[in-house]
Amino acid sequence: MKTDIHPDYHMINVKMTDGTVYQTRSTWGKEGDTLQLDIDPTSHPAWTGGNQRMLDAGGQVARFNKRFGGLSLKKG
């Protein structure tokens, strides 16, 4: 194995948006630094279910069929 090619892993603190802090190993920053998160699973809509966009799949299919319904693939 080659020497001196691996990053330096050390312990850092990660501060979530709700104020909770946990420790993890990372190559980010220096030993003991705190990484302040702007978005995390407690605040992001993908995890909290907020601001979901509902798609009208039936309307999209009907619009597709209206535009391309007359086309057919006939074998000659």
PDB file of N, CA and C in Angstrom:
ATOM      1  N   MET A   1       0.838  -1.176   0.000  1.00  0.00           N
ATOM      2  CA  MET A   1       0.000   0.000   0.000  1.00  0.00           C
ATOM      3  C   MET A   1       0.887   1.245   0.000  1.00  0.00           C
ATOM      4  N   LYS A   2       0.504   2.228  -0.771  1.00  0.00           N
ATOM      5  CA  LYS A   2       1.290   3.454  -0.840  1.00  0.00           C
ATOM      6  C   LYS A   2       1.155   4.244   0.463  1.00  0.00           C
ATOM      7  N   THR A   3       2.238   4.898   0.842  1.00  0.00           N
ATOM      8  CA  THR A   3       2.213   5.712   2.055  1.00  0.00           C
ATOM      9  C   THR A   3       1.880   7.160   1.702  1.00  0.00           C
ATOM     10  N   ASP A   4       1.309   7.865   2.646  1.00  0.00           N
ATOM     11  CA  ASP A   4       1.011   9.307   2.548  1.00  0.00           C
ATOM     12  C   ASP A   4       0.027   9.671   1.439  1.00  0.00           C
ATOM     13  N   ILE A   5      -0.880   8.754   1.056  1.00  0.00           N
ATOM     14  CA  ILE A   5      -1.893   9.117   0.059  1.00  0.00           C
ATOM     15  C   ILE A   5      -3.289   9.175   0.670  1.00  0.00           C
ATOM     16  N   HIS A   6      -3.419   8.680   1.908  1.00  0.00           N
ATOM     17  CA  HIS A   6      -4.732   8.662   2.538  1.00  0.00           C
ATOM     18  C   HIS A   6      -4.967   9.957   3.306  1.00  0.00           C
ATOM     19  N   PRO A   7      -6.208  10.469   3.295  1.00  0.00           N
ATOM     20  CA  PRO A   7      -6.491  11.707   4.004  1.00  0.00           C
ATOM     21  C   PRO A   7      -6.399  11.512   5.522  1.00  0.00           C
ATOM     22  N   ASP A   8      -6.229  12.598   6.217  1.00  0.00           N
ATOM     23  CA  ASP A   8      -6.119  12.587   7.673  1.00  0.00           C
ATOM     24  C   ASP A   8      -7.518  12.616   8.284  1.00  0.00           C
ATOM     25  N   TYR A   9      -7.957  11.518   8.860  1.00  0.00           N
ATOM     26  CA  TYR A   9      -9.251  11.466   9.537  1.00  0.00           C
ATOM     27  C   TYR A   9      -9.069  11.885  10.986  1.00  0.00           C
ATOM     28  N   HIS A  10     -10.003  12.682  11.476  1.00  0.00           N
ATOM     29  CA  HIS A  10      -9.963  13.153  12.853  1.00  0.00           C
ATOM     30  C   HIS A  10     -11.392  13.375  13.333  1.00  0.00           C
ATOM     31  N   MET A  11     -11.574  13.596  14.616  1.00  0.00           N
ATOM     32  CA  MET A  11     -12.905  13.798  15.194  1.00  0.00           C
ATOM     33  C   MET A  11     -13.317  15.264  15.056  1.00  0.00           C
ATOM     34  N   ILE A  12     -14.553  15.484  14.558  1.00  0.00           N
ATOM     35  CA  ILE A  12     -15.130  16.826  14.490  1.00  0.00           C
ATOM     36  C   ILE A  12     -16.514  16.771  15.129  1.00  0.00           C
ATOM     37  N   ASN A  13     -17.066  17.935  15.434  1.00  0.00           N
ATOM     38  CA  ASN A  13     -18.424  18.057  15.939  1.00  0.00           C
ATOM     39  C   ASN A  13     -19.318  18.523  14.799  1.00  0.00           C
ATOM     40  N   VAL A  14     -20.499  17.948  14.702  1.00  0.00           N
ATOM     41  CA  VAL A  14     -21.475  18.359  13.697  1.00  0.00           C
ATOM     42  C   VAL A  14     -22.677  18.921  14.439  1.00  0.00           C
ATOM     43  N   LYS A  15     -23.021  20.189  14.168  1.00  0.00           N
ATOM     44  CA  LYS A  15     -24.138  20.853  14.835  1.00  0.00           C
ATOM     45  C   LYS A  15     -25.316  20.910  13.878  1.00  0.00           C
ATOM     46  N   MET A  16     -26.423  20.267  14.264  1.00  0.00           N
ATOM     47  CA  MET A  16     -27.630  20.224  13.450  1.00  0.00           C
ATOM     48  C   MET A  16     -28.383  21.551  13.583  1.00  0.00           C
ATOM     49  N   THR A  17     -29.409  21.750  12.751  1.00  0.00           N
ATOM     50  CA  THR A  17     -30.166  23.001  12.787  1.00  0.00           C
ATOM     51  C   THR A  17     -30.967  23.151  14.070  1.00  0.00           C
ATOM     52  N   ASP A  18     -31.313  22.037  14.738  1.00  0.00           N
ATOM     53  CA  ASP A  18     -32.069  22.134  15.984  1.00  0.00           C
ATOM     54  C   ASP A  18     -31.159  22.298  17.198  1.00  0.00           C
ATOM     55  N   GLY A  19     -29.853  22.391  16.981  1.00  0.00           N
ATOM     56  CA  GLY A  19     -28.913  22.639  18.060  1.00  0.00           C
ATOM     57  C   GLY A  19     -28.227  21.402  18.608  1.00  0.00           C
ATOM     58  N   THR A  20     -28.677  20.219  18.236  1.00  0.00           N
ATOM     59  CA  THR A  20     -28.014  19.022  18.721  1.00  0.00           C
ATOM     60  C   THR A  20     -26.644  18.884  18.072  1.00  0.00           C
ATOM     61  N   VAL A  21     -25.725  18.321  18.829  1.00  0.00           N
ATOM     62  CA  VAL A  21     -24.347  18.171  18.367  1.00  0.00           C
ATOM     63  C   VAL A  21     -23.943  16.713  18.524  1.00  0.00           C
ATOM     64  N   TYR A  22     -23.276  16.183  17.517  1.00  0.00           N
ATOM     65  CA  TYR A  22     -22.711  14.844  17.633  1.00  0.00           C
ATOM     66  C   TYR A  22     -21.310  14.845  17.055  1.00  0.00           C
ATOM     67  N   GLN A  23     -20.536  13.841  17.433  1.00  0.00           N
ATOM     68  CA  GLN A  23     -19.169  13.735  16.956  1.00  0.00           C
ATOM     69  C   GLN A  23     -19.074  12.635  15.904  1.00  0.00           C
ATOM     70  N   THR A  24     -18.232  12.889  14.914  1.00  0.00           N
ATOM     71  CA  THR A  24     -17.979  11.900  13.876  1.00  0.00           C
ATOM     72  C   THR A  24     -16.559  12.085  13.361  1.00  0.00           C
ATOM     73  N   ARG A  25     -16.094  11.097  12.643  1.00  0.00           N
ATOM     74  CA  ARG A  25     -14.786  11.211  12.006  1.00  0.00           C
ATOM     75  C   ARG A  25     -14.952  11.824  10.628  1.00  0.00           C
ATOM     76  N   SER A  26     -14.012  12.687  10.240  1.00  0.00           N
ATOM     77  CA  SER A  26     -14.099  13.361   8.954  1.00  0.00           C
ATOM     78  C   SER A  26     -12.729  13.843   8.518  1.00  0.00           C
ATOM     79  N   THR A  27     -12.633  14.184   7.240  1.00  0.00           N
ATOM     80  CA  THR A  27     -11.428  14.832   6.725  1.00  0.00           C
ATOM     81  C   THR A  27     -11.614  16.344   6.678  1.00  0.00           C
ATOM     82  N   TRP A  28     -12.832  16.810   7.008  1.00  0.00           N
ATOM     83  CA  TRP A  28     -13.148  18.240   6.974  1.00  0.00           C
ATOM     84  C   TRP A  28     -12.516  18.943   8.164  1.00  0.00           C
ATOM     85  N   GLY A  29     -11.976  20.115   7.962  1.00  0.00           N
ATOM     86  CA  GLY A  29     -11.475  20.947   9.049  1.00  0.00           C
ATOM     87  C   GLY A  29     -10.318  20.331   9.804  1.00  0.00           C
ATOM     88  N   LYS A  30     -10.229  20.747  11.087  1.00  0.00           N
ATOM     89  CA  LYS A  30      -9.170  20.259  11.964  1.00  0.00           C
ATOM     90  C   LYS A  30      -9.808  19.529  13.144  1.00  0.00           C
ATOM     91  N   GLU A  31      -9.020  18.824  13.890  1.00  0.00           N
ATOM     92  CA  GLU A  31      -9.485  18.095  15.071  1.00  0.00           C
ATOM     93  C   GLU A  31     -10.257  19.035  16.000  1.00  0.00           C
ATOM     94  N   GLY A  32     -11.509  18.668  16.318  1.00  0.00           N
ATOM     95  CA  GLY A  32     -12.315  19.445  17.252  1.00  0.00           C
ATOM     96  C   GLY A  32     -13.130  20.566  16.624  1.00  0.00           C
ATOM     97  N   ASP A  33     -12.981  20.854  15.320  1.00  0.00           N
ATOM     98  CA  ASP A  33     -13.782  21.894  14.660  1.00  0.00           C
ATOM     99  C   ASP A  33     -15.258  21.513  14.671  1.00  0.00           C
ATOM    100  N   THR A  34     -16.124  22.530  14.543  1.00  0.00           N
ATOM    101  CA  THR A  34     -17.567  22.302  14.506  1.00  0.00           C
ATOM    102  C   THR A  34     -18.103  22.645  13.130  1.00  0.00           C
ATOM    103  N   LEU A  35     -18.783  21.685  12.514  1.00  0.00           N
ATOM    104  CA  LEU A  35     -19.422  21.876  11.210  1.00  0.00           C
ATOM    105  C   LEU A  35     -20.877  22.241  11.457  1.00  0.00           C
ATOM    106  N   GLN A  36     -21.269  23.464  11.103  1.00  0.00           N
ATOM    107  CA  GLN A  36     -22.630  23.959  11.290  1.00  0.00           C
ATOM    108  C   GLN A  36     -23.454  23.632  10.048  1.00  0.00           C
ATOM    109  N   LEU A  37     -24.499  22.819  10.197  1.00  0.00           N
ATOM    110  CA  LEU A  37     -25.332  22.438   9.059  1.00  0.00           C
ATOM    111  C   LEU A  37     -26.439  23.465   8.829  1.00  0.00           C
ATOM    112  N   ASP A  38     -26.689  23.819   7.561  1.00  0.00           N
ATOM    113  CA  ASP A  38     -27.791  24.699   7.197  1.00  0.00           C
ATOM    114  C   ASP A  38     -29.051  23.895   6.928  1.00  0.00           C
ATOM    115  N   ILE A  39     -28.879  22.697   6.399  1.00  0.00           N
ATOM    116  CA  ILE A  39     -30.005  21.812   6.079  1.00  0.00           C
ATOM    117  C   ILE A  39     -29.650  20.429   6.599  1.00  0.00           C
ATOM    118  N   ASP A  40     -30.594  19.802   7.278  1.00  0.00           N
ATOM    119  CA  ASP A  40     -30.385  18.440   7.760  1.00  0.00           C
ATOM    120  C   ASP A  40     -31.724  17.710   7.770  1.00  0.00           C
ATOM    121  N   PRO A  41     -31.749  16.425   8.112  1.00  0.00           N
ATOM    122  CA  PRO A  41     -32.999  15.666   8.057  1.00  0.00           C
ATOM    123  C   PRO A  41     -34.120  16.207   8.942  1.00  0.00           C
ATOM    124  N   THR A  42     -33.790  17.027   9.944  1.00  0.00           N
ATOM    125  CA  THR A  42     -34.850  17.577  10.796  1.00  0.00           C
ATOM    126  C   THR A  42     -35.513  18.805  10.190  1.00  0.00           C
ATOM    127  N   SER A  43     -34.907  19.400   9.148  1.00  0.00           N
ATOM    128  CA  SER A  43     -35.480  20.626   8.590  1.00  0.00           C
ATOM    129  C   SER A  43     -35.756  20.567   7.100  1.00  0.00           C
ATOM    130  N   HIS A  44     -35.216  19.601   6.383  1.00  0.00           N
ATOM    131  CA  HIS A  44     -35.368  19.553   4.927  1.00  0.00           C
ATOM    132  C   HIS A  44     -36.718  18.959   4.540  1.00  0.00           C
ATOM    133  N   PRO A  45     -37.429  19.575   3.579  1.00  0.00           N
ATOM    134  CA  PRO A  45     -38.754  19.087   3.170  1.00  0.00           C
ATOM    135  C   PRO A  45     -38.758  17.656   2.651  1.00  0.00           C
ATOM    136  N   ALA A  46     -37.656  17.167   2.128  1.00  0.00           N
ATOM    137  CA  ALA A  46     -37.623  15.798   1.632  1.00  0.00           C
ATOM    138  C   ALA A  46     -37.828  14.799   2.772  1.00  0.00           C
ATOM    139  N   TRP A  47     -37.394  15.155   3.983  1.00  0.00           N
ATOM    140  CA  TRP A  47     -37.557  14.263   5.127  1.00  0.00           C
ATOM    141  C   TRP A  47     -38.766  14.632   5.973  1.00  0.00           C
ATOM    142  N   THR A  48     -39.157  15.897   5.986  1.00  0.00           N
ATOM    143  CA  THR A  48     -40.252  16.321   6.856  1.00  0.00           C
ATOM    144  C   THR A  48     -41.601  16.250   6.164  1.00  0.00           C
ATOM    145  N   GLY A  49     -41.643  16.156   4.826  1.00  0.00           N
ATOM    146  CA  GLY A  49     -42.900  16.045   4.099  1.00  0.00           C
ATOM    147  C   GLY A  49     -43.544  17.373   3.780  1.00  0.00           C
ATOM    148  N   GLY A  50     -42.869  18.473   3.985  1.00  0.00           N
ATOM    149  CA  GLY A  50     -43.449  19.782   3.711  1.00  0.00           C
ATOM    150  C   GLY A  50     -43.301  20.192   2.264  1.00  0.00           C
ATOM    151  N   ASN A  51     -44.213  21.001   1.780  1.00  0.00           N
ATOM    152  CA  ASN A  51     -44.174  21.588   0.439  1.00  0.00           C
ATOM    153  C   ASN A  51     -44.041  20.545  -0.670  1.00  0.00           C
ATOM    154  N   GLN A  52     -44.797  19.487  -0.553  1.00  0.00           N
ATOM    155  CA  GLN A  52     -44.750  18.486  -1.610  1.00  0.00           C
ATOM    156  C   GLN A  52     -45.581  18.943  -2.789  1.00  0.00           C
ATOM    157  N   ARG A  53     -45.106  18.629  -3.985  1.00  0.00           N
ATOM    158  CA  ARG A  53     -45.801  19.003  -5.209  1.00  0.00           C
ATOM    159  C   ARG A  53     -46.540  17.780  -5.730  1.00  0.00           C
ATOM    160  N   MET A  54     -47.843  17.905  -5.843  1.00  0.00           N
ATOM    161  CA  MET A  54     -48.646  16.788  -6.315  1.00  0.00           C
ATOM    162  C   MET A  54     -48.707  16.837  -7.843  1.00  0.00           C
ATOM    163  N   LEU A  55     -48.421  15.716  -8.470  1.00  0.00           N
ATOM    164  CA  LEU A  55     -48.465  15.636  -9.921  1.00  0.00           C
ATOM    165  C   LEU A  55     -49.799  15.052 -10.359  1.00  0.00           C
ATOM    166  N   ASP A  56     -50.371  15.645 -11.378  1.00  0.00           N
ATOM    167  CA  ASP A  56     -51.615  15.152 -11.944  1.00  0.00           C
ATOM    168  C   ASP A  56     -51.253  14.190 -13.060  1.00  0.00           C
ATOM    169  N   ALA A  57     -50.975  12.945 -12.685  1.00  0.00           N
ATOM    170  CA  ALA A  57     -50.512  11.966 -13.667  1.00  0.00           C
ATOM    171  C   ALA A  57     -51.578  11.702 -14.719  1.00  0.00           C
ATOM    172  N   GLY A  58     -52.844  11.631 -14.314  1.00  0.00           N
ATOM    173  CA  GLY A  58     -53.924  11.395 -15.272  1.00  0.00           C
ATOM    174  C   GLY A  58     -54.018  12.509 -16.295  1.00  0.00           C
ATOM    175  N   GLY A  59     -53.855  13.725 -15.877  1.00  0.00           N
ATOM    176  CA  GLY A  59     -53.884  14.863 -16.791  1.00  0.00           C
ATOM    177  C   GLY A  59     -52.727  14.836 -17.764  1.00  0.00           C
ATOM    178  N   GLN A  60     -51.575  14.422 -17.294  1.00  0.00           N
ATOM    179  CA  GLN A  60     -50.410  14.360 -18.168  1.00  0.00           C
ATOM    180  C   GLN A  60     -50.575  13.249 -19.202  1.00  0.00           C
ATOM    181  N   VAL A  61     -51.123  12.128 -18.789  1.00  0.00           N
ATOM    182  CA  VAL A  61     -51.345  11.026 -19.730  1.00  0.00           C
ATOM    183  C   VAL A  61     -52.378  11.425 -20.768  1.00  0.00           C
ATOM    184  N   ALA A  62     -53.453  12.079 -20.338  1.00  0.00           N
ATOM    185  CA  ALA A  62     -54.488  12.517 -21.275  1.00  0.00           C
ATOM    186  C   ALA A  62     -53.926  13.522 -22.279  1.00  0.00           C
ATOM    187  N   ARG A  63     -53.074  14.414 -21.804  1.00  0.00           N
ATOM    188  CA  ARG A  63     -52.461  15.413 -22.694  1.00  0.00           C
ATOM    189  C   ARG A  63     -51.538  14.722 -23.702  1.00  0.00           C
ATOM    190  N   PHE A  64     -50.781  13.714 -23.253  1.00  0.00           N
ATOM    191  CA  PHE A  64     -49.915  12.958 -24.149  1.00  0.00           C
ATOM    192  C   PHE A  64     -50.741  12.244 -25.215  1.00  0.00           C
ATOM    193  N   ASN A  65     -51.811  11.570 -24.785  1.00  0.00           N
ATOM    194  CA  ASN A  65     -52.654  10.853 -25.739  1.00  0.00           C
ATOM    195  C   ASN A  65     -53.331  11.797 -26.720  1.00  0.00           C
ATOM    196  N   LYS A  66     -53.667  12.991 -26.283  1.00  0.00           N
ATOM    197  CA  LYS A  66     -54.291  13.970 -27.175  1.00  0.00           C
ATOM    198  C   LYS A  66     -53.304  14.404 -28.259  1.00  0.00           C
ATOM    199  N   ARG A  67     -52.043  14.576 -27.866  1.00  0.00           N
ATOM    200  CA  ARG A  67     -51.035  15.026 -28.824  1.00  0.00           C
ATOM    201  C   ARG A  67     -50.566  13.913 -29.749  1.00  0.00           C
ATOM    202  N   PHE A  68     -50.380  12.711 -29.199  1.00  0.00           N
ATOM    203  CA  PHE A  68     -49.748  11.651 -29.965  1.00  0.00           C
ATOM    204  C   PHE A  68     -50.629  10.423 -30.138  1.00  0.00           C
ATOM    205  N   GLY A  69     -51.879  10.504 -29.784  1.00  0.00           N
ATOM    206  CA  GLY A  69     -52.769   9.354 -29.861  1.00  0.00           C
ATOM    207  C   GLY A  69     -53.024   8.863 -31.271  1.00  0.00           C
ATOM    208  N   GLY A  70     -52.943   9.737 -32.262  1.00  0.00           N
ATOM    209  CA  GLY A  70     -53.207   9.353 -33.642  1.00  0.00           C
ATOM    210  C   GLY A  70     -52.057   8.623 -34.304  1.00  0.00           C
ATOM    211  N   LEU A  71     -50.888   8.637 -33.679  1.00  0.00           N
ATOM    212  CA  LEU A  71     -49.740   7.972 -34.264  1.00  0.00           C
ATOM    213  C   LEU A  71     -49.823   6.468 -34.001  1.00  0.00           C
ATOM    214  N   SER A  72     -49.425   5.701 -34.976  1.00  0.00           N
ATOM    215  CA  SER A  72     -49.405   4.250 -34.786  1.00  0.00           C
ATOM    216  C   SER A  72     -48.190   3.696 -35.498  1.00  0.00           C
ATOM    217  N   LEU A  73     -47.728   2.589 -34.998  1.00  0.00           N
ATOM    218  CA  LEU A  73     -46.583   1.914 -35.603  1.00  0.00           C
ATOM    219  C   LEU A  73     -47.117   0.728 -36.390  1.00  0.00           C
ATOM    220  N   LYS A  74     -47.214   0.890 -37.693  1.00  0.00           N
ATOM    221  CA  LYS A  74     -47.731  -0.181 -38.544  1.00  0.00           C
ATOM    222  C   LYS A  74     -46.563  -0.865 -39.236  1.00  0.00           C
ATOM    223  N   LYS A  75     -46.645  -2.182 -39.296  1.00  0.00           N
ATOM    224  CA  LYS A  75     -45.618  -2.927 -40.009  1.00  0.00           C
ATOM    225  C   LYS A  75     -46.008  -2.972 -41.473  1.00  0.00           C
ATOM    226  N   GLY A  76     -45.091  -2.677 -42.343  1.00  0.00           N
ATOM    227  CA  GLY A  76     -45.383  -2.551 -43.756  1.00  0.00           C
ATOM    228  C   GLY A  76     -45.159  -3.695 -44.582  1.00  0.00           C
TER     229      GLY A  76
END
